[in-house]
Amino acid sequence: MNQKIFVIDNFFDSSLGFYDKIINPDPESKIKMDELYPDRVIYEGISFILKSNIQVLECKDHVQKENDKSPVCCHVESDYIGVLYLTLPLIAWGEVGIKFYSHKETGLDAFPNTKEMQKYNINTSNINKIFSNDLKNWNEYGSIPIKHNRLVLFRSDLWHSYGDGFGSDLNTSMLYKKIIIKNG
């Protein structure tokens, strides 16, 4: 499948259970919550969307607070990234999550392939300098608002950031599950 970005609202029925898993500090409760709300349910849904078996390389819960910034990045070792927003609806109202960028100098919206690396004279010694995190080097061409139970699934080689955090604690901050995926 060649589609670069999927946005799926109301991804699954038990989203509040996954929210509770993030905010519950009690380790014994977390074990019980893991049994009731296993991450494999999320993986099966993503596999269905991609119409492919998947291999999950990493799955982490993230809490992004007010002063937490996310740099422009991409992931070249994987095929897709899934971001499942679990922030409660009224807290996330009007907030922006994932942002997508193109590089001003090259115009690339994804990590360069071999042909593009040759065209722009990019190599291992200058790649970090060319694609630095300084936002003056990037054009933001799109963003996706945060919405509870929204899955954003996108090609992992796209230049992106996870957006700017908000809130000051677990109950008021951006909460999401990030899943790094390889087609399997």
C-alpha atoms as a PDB file:
ATOM      1  CA  MET A   1       0.000   0.000   0.000  1.00  0.00           C
ATOM      2  CA  ASN A   2       1.415   3.410  -0.974  1.00  0.00           C
ATOM      3  CA  GLN A   3      -0.779   5.668   1.119  1.00  0.00           C
ATOM      4  CA  LYS A   4       1.433   7.880   3.291  1.00  0.00           C
ATOM      5  CA  ILE A   5      -0.976   9.017   6.027  1.00  0.00           C
ATOM      6  CA  PHE A   6      -4.121   7.484   7.540  1.00  0.00           C
ATOM      7  CA  VAL A   7      -6.325   9.216  10.121  1.00  0.00           C
ATOM      8  CA  ILE A   8      -8.817   6.909  11.822  1.00  0.00           C
ATOM      9  CA  ASP A   9     -11.264   8.371  14.327  1.00  0.00           C
ATOM     10  CA  ASN A  10     -12.993   6.185  16.930  1.00  0.00           C
ATOM     11  CA  PHE A  11     -10.275   3.595  16.423  1.00  0.00           C
ATOM     12  CA  PHE A  12     -11.641   1.100  18.948  1.00  0.00           C
ATOM     13  CA  ASP A  13     -14.287   0.652  21.630  1.00  0.00           C
ATOM     14  CA  SER A  14     -12.154   0.359  24.783  1.00  0.00           C
ATOM     15  CA  SER A  15     -10.110   3.553  24.488  1.00  0.00           C
ATOM     16  CA  LEU A  16     -10.829   4.688  28.059  1.00  0.00           C
ATOM     17  CA  GLY A  17      -9.232   1.488  29.359  1.00  0.00           C
ATOM     18  CA  PHE A  18      -6.015   2.352  27.541  1.00  0.00           C
ATOM     19  CA  TYR A  19      -6.224   5.897  28.929  1.00  0.00           C
ATOM     20  CA  ASP A  20      -6.555   4.432  32.448  1.00  0.00           C
ATOM     21  CA  LYS A  21      -3.462   2.262  31.853  1.00  0.00           C
ATOM     22  CA  ILE A  22      -1.362   5.396  31.285  1.00  0.00           C
ATOM     23  CA  ILE A  23      -2.618   7.479  34.189  1.00  0.00           C
ATOM     24  CA  ASN A  24      -2.846   4.725  36.824  1.00  0.00           C
ATOM     25  CA  PRO A  25       0.344   4.756  38.929  1.00  0.00           C
ATOM     26  CA  ASP A  26      -0.354   1.495  40.800  1.00  0.00           C
ATOM     27  CA  PRO A  27       1.801  -1.355  39.342  1.00  0.00           C
ATOM     28  CA  GLU A  28      -0.663  -4.089  40.410  1.00  0.00           C
ATOM     29  CA  SER A  29      -3.541  -2.282  38.725  1.00  0.00           C
ATOM     30  CA  LYS A  30      -1.423  -1.847  35.585  1.00  0.00           C
ATOM     31  CA  ILE A  31      -0.919  -5.617  35.366  1.00  0.00           C
ATOM     32  CA  LYS A  32      -4.669  -6.171  35.588  1.00  0.00           C
ATOM     33  CA  MET A  33      -5.286  -3.393  33.032  1.00  0.00           C
ATOM     34  CA  ASP A  34      -2.771  -5.030  30.660  1.00  0.00           C
ATOM     35  CA  GLU A  35      -4.840  -8.215  30.825  1.00  0.00           C
ATOM     36  CA  LEU A  36      -8.116  -6.360  30.215  1.00  0.00           C
ATOM     37  CA  TYR A  37      -6.743  -4.045  27.540  1.00  0.00           C
ATOM     38  CA  PRO A  38      -3.884  -5.824  25.747  1.00  0.00           C
ATOM     39  CA  ASP A  39      -1.881  -3.821  23.201  1.00  0.00           C
ATOM     40  CA  ARG A  40      -2.356  -6.642  20.685  1.00  0.00           C
ATOM     41  CA  VAL A  41      -5.892  -5.285  20.097  1.00  0.00           C
ATOM     42  CA  ILE A  42      -4.288  -2.104  18.761  1.00  0.00           C
ATOM     43  CA  TYR A  43      -1.814  -4.091  16.665  1.00  0.00           C
ATOM     44  CA  GLU A  44      -4.590  -6.184  15.127  1.00  0.00           C
ATOM     45  CA  GLY A  45      -6.464  -3.008  14.174  1.00  0.00           C
ATOM     46  CA  ILE A  46      -3.376  -1.536  12.523  1.00  0.00           C
ATOM     47  CA  SER A  47      -2.699  -4.797  10.692  1.00  0.00           C
ATOM     48  CA  PHE A  48      -6.279  -4.710   9.370  1.00  0.00           C
ATOM     49  CA  ILE A  49      -5.883  -1.107   8.144  1.00  0.00           C
ATOM     50  CA  LEU A  50      -2.583  -1.855   6.393  1.00  0.00           C
ATOM     51  CA  LYS A  51      -3.924  -5.163   5.041  1.00  0.00           C
ATOM     52  CA  SER A  52      -0.631  -6.704   6.106  1.00  0.00           C
ATOM     53  CA  ASN A  53       0.917  -8.627   8.950  1.00  0.00           C
ATOM     54  CA  ILE A  54       2.983  -6.279  11.070  1.00  0.00           C
ATOM     55  CA  GLN A  55       5.923  -6.526  13.419  1.00  0.00           C
ATOM     56  CA  VAL A  56       5.864  -4.055  16.315  1.00  0.00           C
ATOM     57  CA  LEU A  57       9.385  -2.762  16.891  1.00  0.00           C
ATOM     58  CA  GLU A  58       8.435  -0.456  19.753  1.00  0.00           C
ATOM     59  CA  CYS A  59       5.316   0.560  21.630  1.00  0.00           C
ATOM     60  CA  LYS A  60       5.492   3.276  24.295  1.00  0.00           C
ATOM     61  CA  ASP A  61       3.103   5.469  26.204  1.00  0.00           C
ATOM     62  CA  HIS A  62       3.991   9.163  26.057  1.00  0.00           C
ATOM     63  CA  VAL A  63       3.021  12.078  28.253  1.00  0.00           C
ATOM     64  CA  GLN A  64       3.944  15.403  26.665  1.00  0.00           C
ATOM     65  CA  LYS A  65       3.607  18.407  28.966  1.00  0.00           C
ATOM     66  CA  GLU A  66       3.517  22.138  28.302  1.00  0.00           C
ATOM     67  CA  ASN A  67       7.241  22.768  27.835  1.00  0.00           C
ATOM     68  CA  ASP A  68       7.986  19.501  26.034  1.00  0.00           C
ATOM     69  CA  LYS A  69       8.973  20.129  22.428  1.00  0.00           C
ATOM     70  CA  SER A  70       9.339  17.490  19.763  1.00  0.00           C
ATOM     71  CA  PRO A  71      12.113  17.819  17.159  1.00  0.00           C
ATOM     72  CA  VAL A  72      11.691  17.194  13.440  1.00  0.00           C
ATOM     73  CA  CYS A  73      12.625  13.569  12.828  1.00  0.00           C
ATOM     74  CA  CYS A  74      11.969  10.451  10.787  1.00  0.00           C
ATOM     75  CA  HIS A  75      12.500   6.725  11.356  1.00  0.00           C
ATOM     76  CA  VAL A  76      14.254   4.827   8.598  1.00  0.00           C
ATOM     77  CA  GLU A  77      14.400   1.389  10.260  1.00  0.00           C
ATOM     78  CA  SER A  78      10.633   0.934  10.154  1.00  0.00           C
ATOM     79  CA  ASP A  79       7.740   1.270   7.715  1.00  0.00           C
ATOM     80  CA  TYR A  80       4.968   2.996   9.678  1.00  0.00           C
ATOM     81  CA  ILE A  81       4.394   4.854  12.915  1.00  0.00           C
ATOM     82  CA  GLY A  82       1.068   4.748  14.693  1.00  0.00           C
ATOM     83  CA  VAL A  83       0.126   7.469  17.164  1.00  0.00           C
ATOM     84  CA  LEU A  84      -2.998   6.721  19.171  1.00  0.00           C
ATOM     85  CA  TYR A  85      -4.237   9.786  21.058  1.00  0.00           C
ATOM     86  CA  LEU A  86      -5.696   9.018  24.465  1.00  0.00           C
ATOM     87  CA  THR A  87      -6.018  12.539  25.896  1.00  0.00           C
ATOM     88  CA  LEU A  88      -9.580  13.081  27.087  1.00  0.00           C
ATOM     89  CA  PRO A  89     -11.765  15.017  24.611  1.00  0.00           C
ATOM     90  CA  LEU A  90     -12.237  18.369  26.363  1.00  0.00           C
ATOM     91  CA  ILE A  91      -8.567  18.611  27.363  1.00  0.00           C
ATOM     92  CA  ALA A  92      -7.375  18.155  23.770  1.00  0.00           C
ATOM     93  CA  TRP A  93      -9.869  20.578  22.226  1.00  0.00           C
ATOM     94  CA  GLY A  94      -8.043  22.776  19.707  1.00  0.00           C
ATOM     95  CA  GLU A  95      -4.616  21.200  20.283  1.00  0.00           C
ATOM     96  CA  VAL A  96      -2.407  20.051  17.404  1.00  0.00           C
ATOM     97  CA  GLY A  97      -0.457  16.807  17.477  1.00  0.00           C
ATOM     98  CA  ILE A  98       1.554  15.401  14.598  1.00  0.00           C
ATOM     99  CA  LYS A  99       3.127  17.968  12.268  1.00  0.00           C
ATOM    100  CA  PHE A 100       4.605  17.137   8.860  1.00  0.00           C
ATOM    101  CA  TYR A 101       7.492  18.991   7.241  1.00  0.00           C
ATOM    102  CA  SER A 102       9.387  19.376   4.010  1.00  0.00           C
ATOM    103  CA  HIS A 103      13.027  20.404   3.954  1.00  0.00           C
ATOM    104  CA  LYS A 104      13.428  23.916   2.516  1.00  0.00           C
ATOM    105  CA  GLU A 105      16.746  23.353   0.736  1.00  0.00           C
ATOM    106  CA  THR A 106      15.897  20.021  -0.925  1.00  0.00           C
ATOM    107  CA  GLY A 107      12.092  20.070  -0.934  1.00  0.00           C
ATOM    108  CA  LEU A 108      12.073  16.517   0.434  1.00  0.00           C
ATOM    109  CA  ASP A 109       9.180  15.496   2.681  1.00  0.00           C
ATOM    110  CA  ALA A 110      10.813  12.161   3.547  1.00  0.00           C
ATOM    111  CA  PHE A 111      14.272  10.797   4.248  1.00  0.00           C
ATOM    112  CA  PRO A 112      16.227  10.781   0.971  1.00  0.00           C
ATOM    113  CA  ASN A 113      16.625   7.600  -1.032  1.00  0.00           C
ATOM    114  CA  THR A 114      19.951   6.713  -2.683  1.00  0.00           C
ATOM    115  CA  LYS A 115      19.221   8.693  -5.851  1.00  0.00           C
ATOM    116  CA  GLU A 116      18.217  11.786  -3.844  1.00  0.00           C
ATOM    117  CA  MET A 117      21.308  11.493  -1.650  1.00  0.00           C
ATOM    118  CA  GLN A 118      23.478  11.595  -4.770  1.00  0.00           C
ATOM    119  CA  LYS A 119      21.501  14.472  -6.306  1.00  0.00           C
ATOM    120  CA  TYR A 120      21.876  16.672  -3.191  1.00  0.00           C
ATOM    121  CA  ASN A 121      25.392  15.436  -2.302  1.00  0.00           C
ATOM    122  CA  ILE A 122      24.243  14.011   1.025  1.00  0.00           C
ATOM    123  CA  ASN A 123      26.450  11.529   2.858  1.00  0.00           C
ATOM    124  CA  THR A 124      26.998  10.211   6.374  1.00  0.00           C
ATOM    125  CA  SER A 125      29.341  13.080   7.249  1.00  0.00           C
ATOM    126  CA  ASN A 126      26.908  15.904   6.377  1.00  0.00           C
ATOM    127  CA  ILE A 127      23.428  14.416   6.806  1.00  0.00           C
ATOM    128  CA  ASN A 128      22.922  15.762  10.353  1.00  0.00           C
ATOM    129  CA  LYS A 129      24.025  19.227   9.280  1.00  0.00           C
ATOM    130  CA  ILE A 130      21.757  19.284   6.219  1.00  0.00           C
ATOM    131  CA  PHE A 131      18.712  17.938   8.067  1.00  0.00           C
ATOM    132  CA  SER A 132      19.284  19.755  11.372  1.00  0.00           C
ATOM    133  CA  ASN A 133      16.442  20.263  13.844  1.00  0.00           C
ATOM    134  CA  ASP A 134      16.505  24.029  13.404  1.00  0.00           C
ATOM    135  CA  LEU A 135      12.934  24.897  12.362  1.00  0.00           C
ATOM    136  CA  LYS A 136      14.193  27.605   9.996  1.00  0.00           C
ATOM    137  CA  ASN A 137      15.252  24.719   7.688  1.00  0.00           C
ATOM    138  CA  TRP A 138      11.730  23.292   7.457  1.00  0.00           C
ATOM    139  CA  ASN A 139       8.312  24.128   5.993  1.00  0.00           C
ATOM    140  CA  GLU A 140       5.383  22.762   7.954  1.00  0.00           C
ATOM    141  CA  TYR A 141       2.954  21.532   5.309  1.00  0.00           C
ATOM    142  CA  GLY A 142       0.384  19.809   7.478  1.00  0.00           C
ATOM    143  CA  SER A 143      -0.746  18.987  10.980  1.00  0.00           C
ATOM    144  CA  ILE A 144      -3.353  16.761  12.543  1.00  0.00           C
ATOM    145  CA  PRO A 145      -5.400  17.852  15.564  1.00  0.00           C
ATOM    146  CA  ILE A 146      -5.449  15.711  18.669  1.00  0.00           C
ATOM    147  CA  LYS A 147      -8.673  13.858  19.272  1.00  0.00           C
ATOM    148  CA  HIS A 148      -9.331  11.141  21.845  1.00  0.00           C
ATOM    149  CA  ASN A 149      -9.266   7.670  20.256  1.00  0.00           C
ATOM    150  CA  ARG A 150      -7.791   8.982  16.972  1.00  0.00           C
ATOM    151  CA  LEU A 151      -5.119   6.851  15.342  1.00  0.00           C
ATOM    152  CA  VAL A 152      -2.704   8.628  13.032  1.00  0.00           C
ATOM    153  CA  LEU A 153      -0.776   6.085  10.993  1.00  0.00           C
ATOM    154  CA  PHE A 154       1.935   7.359   8.661  1.00  0.00           C
ATOM    155  CA  ARG A 155       5.015   6.322   6.727  1.00  0.00           C
ATOM    156  CA  SER A 156       7.895   6.463   9.190  1.00  0.00           C
ATOM    157  CA  ASP A 157      10.332   8.034   6.717  1.00  0.00           C
ATOM    158  CA  LEU A 158       8.227  11.231   6.543  1.00  0.00           C
ATOM    159  CA  TRP A 159       9.758  14.238   8.301  1.00  0.00           C
ATOM    160  CA  HIS A 160       7.534  14.879  11.303  1.00  0.00           C
ATOM    161  CA  SER A 161       7.303  16.023  14.891  1.00  0.00           C
ATOM    162  CA  TYR A 162       4.889  14.887  17.570  1.00  0.00           C
ATOM    163  CA  GLY A 163       3.796  18.451  18.254  1.00  0.00           C
ATOM    164  CA  ASP A 164       4.182  20.637  21.299  1.00  0.00           C
ATOM    165  CA  GLY A 165       2.987  19.350  24.613  1.00  0.00           C
ATOM    166  CA  PHE A 166       0.418  21.033  26.820  1.00  0.00           C
ATOM    167  CA  GLY A 167      -0.815  20.784  30.387  1.00  0.00           C
ATOM    168  CA  SER A 168       1.121  20.329  33.590  1.00  0.00           C
ATOM    169  CA  ASP A 169       0.206  16.834  34.811  1.00  0.00           C
ATOM    170  CA  LEU A 170      -1.187  13.487  33.661  1.00  0.00           C
ATOM    171  CA  ASN A 171      -4.768  14.731  33.689  1.00  0.00           C
ATOM    172  CA  THR A 172      -4.131  17.822  31.557  1.00  0.00           C
ATOM    173  CA  SER A 173      -1.278  16.791  29.223  1.00  0.00           C
ATOM    174  CA  MET A 174      -1.053  15.239  25.769  1.00  0.00           C
ATOM    175  CA  LEU A 175      -1.253  11.452  26.173  1.00  0.00           C
ATOM    176  CA  TYR A 176      -0.548   9.089  23.325  1.00  0.00           C
ATOM    177  CA  LYS A 177       0.714   5.654  22.499  1.00  0.00           C
ATOM    178  CA  LYS A 178       3.451   5.552  19.850  1.00  0.00           C
ATOM    179  CA  ILE A 179       3.835   2.319  17.896  1.00  0.00           C
ATOM    180  CA  ILE A 180       6.759   1.812  15.505  1.00  0.00           C
ATOM    181  CA  ILE A 181       5.914  -0.807  12.900  1.00  0.00           C
ATOM    182  CA  LYS A 182       7.609  -2.914  10.263  1.00  0.00           C
ATOM    183  CA  ASN A 183       5.539  -4.723   7.651  1.00  0.00           C
ATOM    184  CA  GLY A 184       5.833  -8.358   8.519  1.00  0.00           C
END
